[in-house]
Amino acid sequence: MSEFDIKASGWDRNLMHRERAETVAAAIIRQIPLSRKMKALEFGAGTGLLSFNLMNHIGQITLVDNSEGMVKILREKAV
């Protein structure tokens, strides 16, 4: 079990993680002309905080992470 597997269940409760994802998403939206026709891949997606902030701007996002704990939380959120 990795450190991220252990931290996964509380990851989204951390204000710093949520604010960082919102800040990075806002910067991407400002700098890149996103389109619903686009597809994206987020590698190291964790619980998906960044992609959830971008999902209304991109047609399809595939999220990948090597932490089983993070992916478990991500799947729960995606349902």
PDB file of N, CA and C in Angstrom:
ATOM      1  N   MET A   1       0.858  -1.177   0.000  1.00  0.00           N
ATOM      2  CA  MET A   1       0.000   0.000   0.000  1.00  0.00           C
ATOM      3  C   MET A   1       0.903   1.238   0.000  1.00  0.00           C
ATOM      4  N   SER A   2       0.615   2.179  -0.890  1.00  0.00           N
ATOM      5  CA  SER A   2       1.432   3.381  -1.002  1.00  0.00           C
ATOM      6  C   SER A   2       0.920   4.491  -0.073  1.00  0.00           C
ATOM      7  N   GLU A   3       1.733   5.503   0.069  1.00  0.00           N
ATOM      8  CA  GLU A   3       1.347   6.676   0.866  1.00  0.00           C
ATOM      9  C   GLU A   3       0.065   7.293   0.319  1.00  0.00           C
ATOM     10  N   PHE A   4      -0.071   7.345  -0.998  1.00  0.00           N
ATOM     11  CA  PHE A   4      -1.262   7.941  -1.597  1.00  0.00           C
ATOM     12  C   PHE A   4      -2.495   7.064  -1.400  1.00  0.00           C
ATOM     13  N   ASP A   5      -2.314   5.751  -1.361  1.00  0.00           N
ATOM     14  CA  ASP A   5      -3.439   4.867  -1.054  1.00  0.00           C
ATOM     15  C   ASP A   5      -3.984   5.183   0.342  1.00  0.00           C
ATOM     16  N   ILE A   6      -3.078   5.418   1.274  1.00  0.00           N
ATOM     17  CA  ILE A   6      -3.468   5.715   2.651  1.00  0.00           C
ATOM     18  C   ILE A   6      -4.159   7.071   2.755  1.00  0.00           C
ATOM     19  N   LYS A   7      -3.672   8.064   2.014  1.00  0.00           N
ATOM     20  CA  LYS A   7      -4.205   9.427   2.096  1.00  0.00           C
ATOM     21  C   LYS A   7      -5.457   9.653   1.245  1.00  0.00           C
ATOM     22  N   ALA A   8      -5.774   8.734   0.380  1.00  0.00           N
ATOM     23  CA  ALA A   8      -6.834   8.928  -0.615  1.00  0.00           C
ATOM     24  C   ALA A   8      -8.186   9.295  -0.016  1.00  0.00           C
ATOM     25  N   SER A   9      -8.602   8.618   1.035  1.00  0.00           N
ATOM     26  CA  SER A   9      -9.953   8.837   1.567  1.00  0.00           C
ATOM     27  C   SER A   9     -10.162  10.257   2.081  1.00  0.00           C
ATOM     28  N   GLY A  10      -9.114  10.929   2.519  1.00  0.00           N
ATOM     29  CA  GLY A  10      -9.262  12.296   3.007  1.00  0.00           C
ATOM     30  C   GLY A  10      -8.724  13.356   2.074  1.00  0.00           C
ATOM     31  N   TRP A  11      -8.264  12.954   0.899  1.00  0.00           N
ATOM     32  CA  TRP A  11      -7.588  13.873  -0.017  1.00  0.00           C
ATOM     33  C   TRP A  11      -8.451  15.088  -0.373  1.00  0.00           C
ATOM     34  N   ASP A  12      -9.687  14.861  -0.745  1.00  0.00           N
ATOM     35  CA  ASP A  12     -10.549  15.959  -1.197  1.00  0.00           C
ATOM     36  C   ASP A  12     -10.990  16.882  -0.064  1.00  0.00           C
ATOM     37  N   ARG A  13     -10.842  16.465   1.175  1.00  0.00           N
ATOM     38  CA  ARG A  13     -11.210  17.330   2.305  1.00  0.00           C
ATOM     39  C   ARG A  13     -10.146  18.387   2.578  1.00  0.00           C
ATOM     40  N   ASN A  14      -8.974  18.223   2.003  1.00  0.00           N
ATOM     41  CA  ASN A  14      -7.881  19.167   2.202  1.00  0.00           C
ATOM     42  C   ASN A  14      -8.104  20.392   1.319  1.00  0.00           C
ATOM     43  N   LEU A  15      -8.324  21.537   1.949  1.00  0.00           N
ATOM     44  CA  LEU A  15      -8.618  22.781   1.226  1.00  0.00           C
ATOM     45  C   LEU A  15      -7.501  23.128   0.248  1.00  0.00           C
ATOM     46  N   MET A  16      -6.251  22.906   0.634  1.00  0.00           N
ATOM     47  CA  MET A  16      -5.135  23.222  -0.251  1.00  0.00           C
ATOM     48  C   MET A  16      -5.217  22.419  -1.546  1.00  0.00           C
ATOM     49  N   HIS A  17      -5.597  21.141  -1.476  1.00  0.00           N
ATOM     50  CA  HIS A  17      -5.711  20.324  -2.682  1.00  0.00           C
ATOM     51  C   HIS A  17      -6.809  20.848  -3.589  1.00  0.00           C
ATOM     52  N   ARG A  18      -7.940  21.203  -3.006  1.00  0.00           N
ATOM     53  CA  ARG A  18      -9.065  21.715  -3.807  1.00  0.00           C
ATOM     54  C   ARG A  18      -8.715  23.062  -4.439  1.00  0.00           C
ATOM     55  N   GLU A  19      -8.125  23.961  -3.668  1.00  0.00           N
ATOM     56  CA  GLU A  19      -7.770  25.287  -4.196  1.00  0.00           C
ATOM     57  C   GLU A  19      -6.717  25.183  -5.286  1.00  0.00           C
ATOM     58  N   ARG A  20      -5.745  24.299  -5.119  1.00  0.00           N
ATOM     59  CA  ARG A  20      -4.708  24.126  -6.135  1.00  0.00           C
ATOM     60  C   ARG A  20      -5.322  23.624  -7.437  1.00  0.00           C
ATOM     61  N   ALA A  21      -6.223  22.660  -7.354  1.00  0.00           N
ATOM     62  CA  ALA A  21      -6.875  22.139  -8.560  1.00  0.00           C
ATOM     63  C   ALA A  21      -7.683  23.234  -9.249  1.00  0.00           C
ATOM     64  N   GLU A  22      -8.386  24.047  -8.485  1.00  0.00           N
ATOM     65  CA  GLU A  22      -9.169  25.141  -9.062  1.00  0.00           C
ATOM     66  C   GLU A  22      -8.261  26.168  -9.726  1.00  0.00           C
ATOM     67  N   THR A  23      -7.139  26.485  -9.100  1.00  0.00           N
ATOM     68  CA  THR A  23      -6.191  27.462  -9.651  1.00  0.00           C
ATOM     69  C   THR A  23      -5.569  26.956 -10.942  1.00  0.00           C
ATOM     70  N   VAL A  24      -5.149  25.697 -10.948  1.00  0.00           N
ATOM     71  CA  VAL A  24      -4.546  25.120 -12.153  1.00  0.00           C
ATOM     72  C   VAL A  24      -5.580  25.034 -13.270  1.00  0.00           C
ATOM     73  N   ALA A  25      -6.796  24.628 -12.949  1.00  0.00           N
ATOM     74  CA  ALA A  25      -7.853  24.553 -13.970  1.00  0.00           C
ATOM     75  C   ALA A  25      -8.124  25.934 -14.559  1.00  0.00           C
ATOM     76  N   ALA A  26      -8.195  26.956 -13.722  1.00  0.00           N
ATOM     77  CA  ALA A  26      -8.440  28.320 -14.215  1.00  0.00           C
ATOM     78  C   ALA A  26      -7.310  28.774 -15.135  1.00  0.00           C
ATOM     79  N   ALA A  27      -6.074  28.431 -14.796  1.00  0.00           N
ATOM     80  CA  ALA A  27      -4.939  28.799 -15.648  1.00  0.00           C
ATOM     81  C   ALA A  27      -5.007  28.074 -16.989  1.00  0.00           C
ATOM     82  N   ILE A  28      -5.371  26.807 -16.975  1.00  0.00           N
ATOM     83  CA  ILE A  28      -5.513  26.052 -18.229  1.00  0.00           C
ATOM     84  C   ILE A  28      -6.603  26.672 -19.088  1.00  0.00           C
ATOM     85  N   ILE A  29      -7.728  26.997 -18.483  1.00  0.00           N
ATOM     86  CA  ILE A  29      -8.851  27.591 -19.218  1.00  0.00           C
ATOM     87  C   ILE A  29      -8.455  28.933 -19.828  1.00  0.00           C
ATOM     88  N   ARG A  30      -7.665  29.718 -19.102  1.00  0.00           N
ATOM     89  CA  ARG A  30      -7.209  31.021 -19.621  1.00  0.00           C
ATOM     90  C   ARG A  30      -6.223  30.865 -20.775  1.00  0.00           C
ATOM     91  N   GLN A  31      -5.356  29.864 -20.697  1.00  0.00           N
ATOM     92  CA  GLN A  31      -4.248  29.753 -21.638  1.00  0.00           C
ATOM     93  C   GLN A  31      -4.520  28.887 -22.872  1.00  0.00           C
ATOM     94  N   ILE A  32      -5.480  27.984 -22.753  1.00  0.00           N
ATOM     95  CA  ILE A  32      -5.726  27.034 -23.842  1.00  0.00           C
ATOM     96  C   ILE A  32      -7.168  27.175 -24.309  1.00  0.00           C
ATOM     97  N   PRO A  33      -7.388  27.382 -25.594  1.00  0.00           N
ATOM     98  CA  PRO A  33      -8.759  27.464 -26.101  1.00  0.00           C
ATOM     99  C   PRO A  33      -9.418  26.079 -26.113  1.00  0.00           C
ATOM    100  N   LEU A  34      -9.994  25.704 -24.998  1.00  0.00           N
ATOM    101  CA  LEU A  34     -10.603  24.387 -24.857  1.00  0.00           C
ATOM    102  C   LEU A  34     -11.898  24.296 -25.647  1.00  0.00           C
ATOM    103  N   SER A  35     -12.249  23.079 -26.010  1.00  0.00           N
ATOM    104  CA  SER A  35     -13.435  22.829 -26.809  1.00  0.00           C
ATOM    105  C   SER A  35     -14.061  21.514 -26.378  1.00  0.00           C
ATOM    106  N   ARG A  36     -15.384  21.429 -26.498  1.00  0.00           N
ATOM    107  CA  ARG A  36     -16.086  20.184 -26.195  1.00  0.00           C
ATOM    108  C   ARG A  36     -15.733  19.095 -27.215  1.00  0.00           C
ATOM    109  N   LYS A  37     -15.056  19.452 -28.286  1.00  0.00           N
ATOM    110  CA  LYS A  37     -14.609  18.464 -29.277  1.00  0.00           C
ATOM    111  C   LYS A  37     -13.288  17.822 -28.866  1.00  0.00           C
ATOM    112  N   MET A  38     -12.649  18.354 -27.843  1.00  0.00           N
ATOM    113  CA  MET A  38     -11.334  17.876 -27.411  1.00  0.00           C
ATOM    114  C   MET A  38     -11.442  16.654 -26.504  1.00  0.00           C
ATOM    115  N   LYS A  39     -10.357  15.881 -26.514  1.00  0.00           N
ATOM    116  CA  LYS A  39     -10.175  14.777 -25.582  1.00  0.00           C
ATOM    117  C   LYS A  39      -8.889  15.063 -24.811  1.00  0.00           C
ATOM    118  N   ALA A  40      -8.867  14.677 -23.533  1.00  0.00           N
ATOM    119  CA  ALA A  40      -7.684  14.924 -22.716  1.00  0.00           C
ATOM    120  C   ALA A  40      -7.359  13.693 -21.890  1.00  0.00           C
ATOM    121  N   LEU A  41      -6.118  13.611 -21.465  1.00  0.00           N
ATOM    122  CA  LEU A  41      -5.651  12.565 -20.575  1.00  0.00           C
ATOM    123  C   LEU A  41      -4.991  13.244 -19.382  1.00  0.00           C
ATOM    124  N   GLU A  42      -5.440  12.915 -18.188  1.00  0.00           N
ATOM    125  CA  GLU A  42      -4.768  13.395 -16.977  1.00  0.00           C
ATOM    126  C   GLU A  42      -4.077  12.199 -16.343  1.00  0.00           C
ATOM    127  N   PHE A  43      -2.759  12.197 -16.408  1.00  0.00           N
ATOM    128  CA  PHE A  43      -1.963  11.129 -15.815  1.00  0.00           C
ATOM    129  C   PHE A  43      -1.522  11.587 -14.434  1.00  0.00           C
ATOM    130  N   GLY A  44      -1.751  10.774 -13.431  1.00  0.00           N
ATOM    131  CA  GLY A  44      -1.500  11.192 -12.052  1.00  0.00           C
ATOM    132  C   GLY A  44      -2.692  11.976 -11.538  1.00  0.00           C
ATOM    133  N   ALA A  45      -3.878  11.526 -11.913  1.00  0.00           N
ATOM    134  CA  ALA A  45      -5.114  12.262 -11.658  1.00  0.00           C
ATOM    135  C   ALA A  45      -5.550  12.255 -10.198  1.00  0.00           C
ATOM    136  N   GLY A  46      -5.016  11.353  -9.410  1.00  0.00           N
ATOM    137  CA  GLY A  46      -5.454  11.281  -8.015  1.00  0.00           C
ATOM    138  C   GLY A  46      -6.949  11.041  -7.931  1.00  0.00           C
ATOM    139  N   THR A  47      -7.641  11.880  -7.186  1.00  0.00           N
ATOM    140  CA  THR A  47      -9.092  11.746  -7.043  1.00  0.00           C
ATOM    141  C   THR A  47      -9.854  12.511  -8.111  1.00  0.00           C
ATOM    142  N   GLY A  48      -9.146  13.088  -9.069  1.00  0.00           N
ATOM    143  CA  GLY A  48      -9.798  13.757 -10.187  1.00  0.00           C
ATOM    144  C   GLY A  48     -10.135  15.217  -9.964  1.00  0.00           C
ATOM    145  N   LEU A  49      -9.580  15.837  -8.938  1.00  0.00           N
ATOM    146  CA  LEU A  49      -9.938  17.228  -8.646  1.00  0.00           C
ATOM    147  C   LEU A  49      -9.737  18.153  -9.847  1.00  0.00           C
ATOM    148  N   LEU A  50      -8.612  18.047 -10.526  1.00  0.00           N
ATOM    149  CA  LEU A  50      -8.354  18.925 -11.670  1.00  0.00           C
ATOM    150  C   LEU A  50      -9.344  18.651 -12.795  1.00  0.00           C
ATOM    151  N   SER A  51      -9.497  17.411 -13.166  1.00  0.00           N
ATOM    152  CA  SER A  51     -10.386  17.074 -14.284  1.00  0.00           C
ATOM    153  C   SER A  51     -11.844  17.426 -14.005  1.00  0.00           C
ATOM    154  N   PHE A  52     -12.263  17.274 -12.762  1.00  0.00           N
ATOM    155  CA  PHE A  52     -13.641  17.660 -12.440  1.00  0.00           C
ATOM    156  C   PHE A  52     -13.846  19.160 -12.623  1.00  0.00           C
ATOM    157  N   ASN A  53     -12.789  19.953 -12.464  1.00  0.00           N
ATOM    158  CA  ASN A  53     -12.874  21.389 -12.715  1.00  0.00           C
ATOM    159  C   ASN A  53     -12.838  21.721 -14.201  1.00  0.00           C
ATOM    160  N   LEU A  54     -12.383  20.799 -15.018  1.00  0.00           N
ATOM    161  CA  LEU A  54     -12.285  21.040 -16.468  1.00  0.00           C
ATOM    162  C   LEU A  54     -13.381  20.343 -17.271  1.00  0.00           C
ATOM    163  N   MET A  55     -14.147  19.467 -16.649  1.00  0.00           N
ATOM    164  CA  MET A  55     -15.039  18.585 -17.406  1.00  0.00           C
ATOM    165  C   MET A  55     -16.107  19.304 -18.218  1.00  0.00           C
ATOM    166  N   ASN A  56     -16.482  20.508 -17.870  1.00  0.00           N
ATOM    167  CA  ASN A  56     -17.479  21.239 -18.654  1.00  0.00           C
ATOM    168  C   ASN A  56     -16.868  21.981 -19.835  1.00  0.00           C
ATOM    169  N   HIS A  57     -15.547  21.890 -19.976  1.00  0.00           N
ATOM    170  CA  HIS A  57     -14.847  22.605 -21.044  1.00  0.00           C
ATOM    171  C   HIS A  57     -14.248  21.674 -22.089  1.00  0.00           C
ATOM    172  N   ILE A  58     -14.213  20.373 -21.790  1.00  0.00           N
ATOM    173  CA  ILE A  58     -13.585  19.377 -22.664  1.00  0.00           C
ATOM    174  C   ILE A  58     -14.583  18.252 -22.897  1.00  0.00           C
ATOM    175  N   GLY A  59     -14.584  17.708 -24.089  1.00  0.00           N
ATOM    176  CA  GLY A  59     -15.540  16.656 -24.414  1.00  0.00           C
ATOM    177  C   GLY A  59     -15.347  15.371 -23.643  1.00  0.00           C
ATOM    178  N   GLN A  60     -14.116  14.893 -23.555  1.00  0.00           N
ATOM    179  CA  GLN A  60     -13.844  13.618 -22.878  1.00  0.00           C
ATOM    180  C   GLN A  60     -12.506  13.716 -22.168  1.00  0.00           C
ATOM    181  N   ILE A  61     -12.477  13.266 -20.920  1.00  0.00           N
ATOM    182  CA  ILE A  61     -11.223  13.237 -20.164  1.00  0.00           C
ATOM    183  C   ILE A  61     -11.023  11.820 -19.622  1.00  0.00           C
ATOM    184  N   THR A  62      -9.870  11.266 -19.898  1.00  0.00           N
ATOM    185  CA  THR A  62      -9.486   9.976 -19.352  1.00  0.00           C
ATOM    186  C   THR A  62      -8.540  10.243 -18.198  1.00  0.00           C
ATOM    187  N   LEU A  63      -8.834   9.656 -17.046  1.00  0.00           N
ATOM    188  CA  LEU A  63      -8.020   9.859 -15.861  1.00  0.00           C
ATOM    189  C   LEU A  63      -7.283   8.582 -15.510  1.00  0.00           C
ATOM    190  N   VAL A  64      -6.006   8.707 -15.168  1.00  0.00           N
ATOM    191  CA  VAL A  64      -5.152   7.570 -14.848  1.00  0.00           C
ATOM    192  C   VAL A  64      -4.359   7.898 -13.590  1.00  0.00           C
ATOM    193  N   ASP A  65      -4.236   6.937 -12.701  1.00  0.00           N
ATOM    194  CA  ASP A  65      -3.380   7.097 -11.530  1.00  0.00           C
ATOM    195  C   ASP A  65      -2.877   5.727 -11.110  1.00  0.00           C
ATOM    196  N   ASN A  66      -1.682   5.671 -10.541  1.00  0.00           N
ATOM    197  CA  ASN A  66      -1.140   4.384 -10.127  1.00  0.00           C
ATOM    198  C   ASN A  66      -1.485   4.038  -8.685  1.00  0.00           C
ATOM    199  N   SER A  67      -2.192   4.915  -7.980  1.00  0.00           N
ATOM    200  CA  SER A  67      -2.626   4.641  -6.617  1.00  0.00           C
ATOM    201  C   SER A  67      -4.024   4.021  -6.646  1.00  0.00           C
ATOM    202  N   GLU A  68      -4.118   2.785  -6.201  1.00  0.00           N
ATOM    203  CA  GLU A  68      -5.421   2.117  -6.173  1.00  0.00           C
ATOM    204  C   GLU A  68      -6.402   2.865  -5.274  1.00  0.00           C
ATOM    205  N   GLY A  69      -5.908   3.423  -4.179  1.00  0.00           N
ATOM    206  CA  GLY A  69      -6.774   4.174  -3.266  1.00  0.00           C
ATOM    207  C   GLY A  69      -7.351   5.415  -3.919  1.00  0.00           C
ATOM    208  N   MET A  70      -6.526   6.144  -4.656  1.00  0.00           N
ATOM    209  CA  MET A  70      -6.998   7.344  -5.359  1.00  0.00           C
ATOM    210  C   MET A  70      -8.017   6.962  -6.426  1.00  0.00           C
ATOM    211  N   VAL A  71      -7.740   5.916  -7.178  1.00  0.00           N
ATOM    212  CA  VAL A  71      -8.661   5.473  -8.233  1.00  0.00           C
ATOM    213  C   VAL A  71      -9.998   5.030  -7.627  1.00  0.00           C
ATOM    214  N   LYS A  72      -9.958   4.393  -6.464  1.00  0.00           N
ATOM    215  CA  LYS A  72     -11.191   3.977  -5.802  1.00  0.00           C
ATOM    216  C   LYS A  72     -12.065   5.198  -5.486  1.00  0.00           C
ATOM    217  N   ILE A  73     -11.464   6.253  -4.935  1.00  0.00           N
ATOM    218  CA  ILE A  73     -12.203   7.481  -4.621  1.00  0.00           C
ATOM    219  C   ILE A  73     -12.710   8.121  -5.902  1.00  0.00           C
ATOM    220  N   LEU A  74     -11.870   8.157  -6.922  1.00  0.00           N
ATOM    221  CA  LEU A  74     -12.251   8.727  -8.218  1.00  0.00           C
ATOM    222  C   LEU A  74     -13.463   8.012  -8.785  1.00  0.00           C
ATOM    223  N   ARG A  75     -13.451   6.709  -8.757  1.00  0.00           N
ATOM    224  CA  ARG A  75     -14.588   5.939  -9.297  1.00  0.00           C
ATOM    225  C   ARG A  75     -15.870   6.220  -8.505  1.00  0.00           C
ATOM    226  N   GLU A  76     -15.754   6.350  -7.197  1.00  0.00           N
ATOM    227  CA  GLU A  76     -16.921   6.673  -6.375  1.00  0.00           C
ATOM    228  C   GLU A  76     -17.487   8.039  -6.750  1.00  0.00           C
ATOM    229  N   LYS A  77     -16.629   8.991  -7.033  1.00  0.00           N
ATOM    230  CA  LYS A  77     -17.077  10.333  -7.405  1.00  0.00           C
ATOM    231  C   LYS A  77     -17.693  10.372  -8.803  1.00  0.00           C
ATOM    232  N   ALA A  78     -17.206   9.505  -9.680  1.00  0.00           N
ATOM    233  CA  ALA A  78     -17.642   9.537 -11.077  1.00  0.00           C
ATOM    234  C   ALA A  78     -19.016   8.924 -11.295  1.00  0.00           C
ATOM    235  N   VAL A  79     -19.523   8.221 -10.318  1.00  0.00           N
ATOM    236  CA  VAL A  79     -20.826   7.543 -10.474  1.00  0.00           C
ATOM    237  C   VAL A  79     -21.953   8.529 -10.346  1.00  0.00           C
TER     238      VAL A  79
END
